[in-house]
Amino acid sequence: MSAQDDMDFNSGMMAFEAKHFSRAMQILSVIAEKGNTDAMHRCAIMYQNGLGVAVNKEAALKWMEKAAEQGHELAQHGLGFMYMEGDCVEQNGEQAVKWFTKAAEQGLQGSQTTLGMMYEQGTAGVAKDLDKAKEWYAKAGFSPEEIK
């Protein structure tokens, strides 16, 4: 990214954090188009939740997928939730596990914990597997005493 893109990205992120979502979308959508995965992830969140723009599930999925496919762990986690909950996309436990696993393998504790819960409870079409649940909980940092 150019120095101007860096400045614009920072301005867009500051607008997002300040909850000035329409301004954030104006700035970050341009940066997302240039390939910035953080901007893609934030645009997906804004489209998904109607923050500063009308809810647009197709655009939310598009940006979340683009960022996730490029290795953005928070977008991978977000895409996992989309598939787990059937939000913006048809519910698909296999796809949820795929994306949570990609994020978990990058060390994202939230994805590790979510995988543990999915395997413990057998949710979203995932077969119950207590051994896998314990494995993911352990990776998330839970002590053996906390894992039942």
Protein backbone atom coordinates (compact mmCIF):
# COMPACT_ATOMS: atom_id res chain seq x y z
CA MET A 1 0.00 0.00 0.00
CA SER A 2 1.11 3.53 -0.66
CA ALA A 3 1.64 6.03 2.14
CA GLN A 4 -1.66 7.68 1.14
CA ASP A 5 -3.44 4.32 1.33
CA ASP A 6 -1.96 3.78 4.79
CA MET A 7 -3.24 7.18 5.91
CA ASP A 8 -6.67 6.48 4.39
CA PHE A 9 -6.78 3.04 6.01
CA ASN A 10 -5.96 4.53 9.41
CA SER A 11 -8.65 7.19 8.91
CA GLY A 12 -11.16 4.52 7.95
CA MET A 13 -10.31 2.40 10.98
CA MET A 14 -10.59 5.42 13.27
CA ALA A 15 -14.02 6.19 11.79
CA PHE A 16 -15.05 2.55 12.32
CA GLU A 17 -13.89 2.54 15.92
CA ALA A 18 -15.68 5.85 16.53
CA LYS A 19 -18.85 4.27 15.08
CA HIS A 20 -18.92 6.69 12.15
CA PHE A 21 -19.79 3.78 9.91
CA SER A 22 -20.91 5.59 6.76
CA ARG A 23 -17.58 7.46 6.70
CA ALA A 24 -15.71 4.24 7.48
CA MET A 25 -17.43 2.48 4.57
CA GLN A 26 -16.58 5.32 2.18
CA ILE A 27 -12.90 5.02 3.04
CA LEU A 28 -12.48 1.30 3.72
CA SER A 29 -14.37 0.08 0.65
CA VAL A 30 -11.77 1.79 -1.56
CA ILE A 31 -8.93 0.22 0.45
CA ALA A 32 -10.67 -3.18 0.35
CA GLU A 33 -10.86 -2.98 -3.44
CA LYS A 34 -7.08 -2.52 -3.42
CA GLY A 35 -6.67 -5.83 -1.57
CA ASN A 36 -6.37 -4.89 2.11
CA THR A 37 -7.81 -7.83 4.07
CA ASP A 38 -8.43 -5.79 7.25
CA ALA A 39 -10.54 -3.37 5.21
CA MET A 40 -12.35 -6.29 3.54
CA HIS A 41 -13.17 -7.76 6.96
CA ARG A 42 -14.53 -4.45 8.29
CA CYS A 43 -16.62 -3.90 5.13
CA ALA A 44 -18.08 -7.38 5.56
CA ILE A 45 -19.06 -6.57 9.15
CA MET A 46 -20.69 -3.29 8.11
CA TYR A 47 -22.66 -4.94 5.28
CA GLN A 48 -23.65 -7.89 7.48
CA ASN A 49 -25.00 -5.69 10.26
CA GLY A 50 -26.22 -2.65 8.33
CA LEU A 51 -23.67 -0.31 9.86
CA GLY A 52 -23.52 2.88 7.79
CA VAL A 53 -25.07 1.03 4.84
CA ALA A 54 -28.15 -1.06 4.16
CA VAL A 55 -27.76 -4.72 5.10
CA ASN A 56 -26.33 -6.51 2.08
CA LYS A 57 -25.79 -10.19 2.77
CA GLU A 58 -24.22 -10.87 -0.63
CA ALA A 59 -21.64 -8.11 -0.17
CA ALA A 60 -21.00 -9.23 3.42
CA LEU A 61 -20.30 -12.79 2.25
CA LYS A 62 -18.18 -11.60 -0.68
CA TRP A 63 -15.87 -9.50 1.49
CA MET A 64 -15.69 -12.03 4.33
CA GLU A 65 -14.77 -14.80 1.86
CA LYS A 66 -12.17 -12.66 0.08
CA ALA A 67 -10.42 -11.78 3.33
CA ALA A 68 -10.71 -15.34 4.70
CA GLU A 69 -9.31 -16.88 1.52
CA GLN A 70 -6.28 -14.58 1.84
CA GLY A 71 -5.57 -15.87 5.36
CA HIS A 72 -7.18 -13.17 7.53
CA GLU A 73 -7.88 -15.14 10.72
CA LEU A 74 -10.69 -12.91 12.01
CA ALA A 75 -12.43 -13.15 8.64
CA GLN A 76 -11.97 -16.94 8.70
CA HIS A 77 -13.59 -16.94 12.16
CA GLY A 78 -16.38 -14.67 10.92
CA LEU A 79 -16.98 -16.87 7.89
CA GLY A 80 -17.10 -19.90 10.19
CA PHE A 81 -19.86 -18.19 12.18
CA MET A 82 -21.74 -17.31 9.01
CA TYR A 83 -21.79 -20.98 8.05
CA MET A 84 -22.52 -22.19 11.58
CA GLU A 85 -25.46 -19.81 12.03
CA GLY A 86 -26.69 -19.73 8.45
CA ASP A 87 -26.15 -15.95 8.33
CA CYS A 88 -25.62 -14.57 4.80
CA VAL A 89 -25.20 -18.14 3.57
CA GLU A 90 -26.94 -21.49 3.93
CA GLN A 91 -26.01 -23.22 7.20
CA ASN A 92 -23.22 -25.74 6.63
CA GLY A 93 -21.41 -27.35 9.57
CA GLU A 94 -18.66 -28.77 7.37
CA GLN A 95 -17.81 -25.32 6.00
CA ALA A 96 -18.04 -23.82 9.51
CA VAL A 97 -15.50 -26.35 10.78
CA LYS A 98 -13.25 -25.72 7.77
CA TRP A 99 -13.07 -21.96 8.40
CA PHE A 100 -12.89 -22.17 12.20
CA THR A 101 -10.04 -24.69 11.79
CA LYS A 102 -8.11 -22.35 9.48
CA ALA A 103 -8.39 -19.55 12.06
CA ALA A 104 -7.68 -21.92 14.98
CA GLU A 105 -4.53 -23.20 13.29
CA GLN A 106 -3.31 -19.58 13.20
CA GLY A 107 -3.75 -19.48 16.97
CA LEU A 108 -7.10 -17.69 17.21
CA GLN A 109 -8.34 -18.76 20.63
CA GLY A 110 -11.97 -17.93 19.88
CA SER A 111 -11.98 -20.36 16.96
CA GLN A 112 -10.26 -23.04 19.04
CA THR A 113 -12.90 -22.65 21.74
CA THR A 114 -15.76 -22.61 19.23
CA LEU A 115 -14.48 -25.83 17.67
CA GLY A 116 -14.30 -27.39 21.12
CA MET A 117 -17.91 -26.40 21.78
CA MET A 118 -19.09 -27.64 18.38
CA TYR A 119 -17.49 -31.05 18.90
CA GLU A 120 -18.61 -31.24 22.54
CA GLN A 121 -22.23 -30.47 21.73
CA GLY A 122 -22.49 -31.87 18.21
CA THR A 123 -23.90 -28.59 16.85
CA ALA A 124 -24.45 -27.28 13.31
CA GLY A 125 -24.43 -30.74 11.79
CA VAL A 126 -21.06 -31.63 13.34
CA ALA A 127 -20.80 -35.09 14.85
CA LYS A 128 -20.23 -35.10 18.60
CA ASP A 129 -16.60 -36.03 19.31
CA LEU A 130 -15.42 -35.50 22.89
CA ASP A 131 -11.79 -36.32 22.07
CA LYS A 132 -11.68 -33.59 19.40
CA ALA A 133 -13.50 -31.23 21.77
CA LYS A 134 -10.86 -31.79 24.47
CA GLU A 135 -8.07 -31.33 21.93
CA TRP A 136 -9.42 -27.94 20.80
CA TYR A 137 -10.16 -26.78 24.34
CA ALA A 138 -6.57 -27.66 25.32
CA LYS A 139 -5.22 -25.68 22.34
CA ALA A 140 -7.36 -22.76 23.48
CA GLY A 141 -5.56 -22.83 26.80
CA PHE A 142 -8.08 -24.52 29.06
CA SER A 143 -6.49 -26.59 31.81
CA PRO A 144 -7.26 -30.31 32.05
CA GLU A 145 -9.35 -29.61 35.16
CA GLU A 146 -11.55 -27.21 33.18
CA ILE A 147 -12.12 -29.77 30.42
CA LYS A 148 -14.71 -32.33 31.43
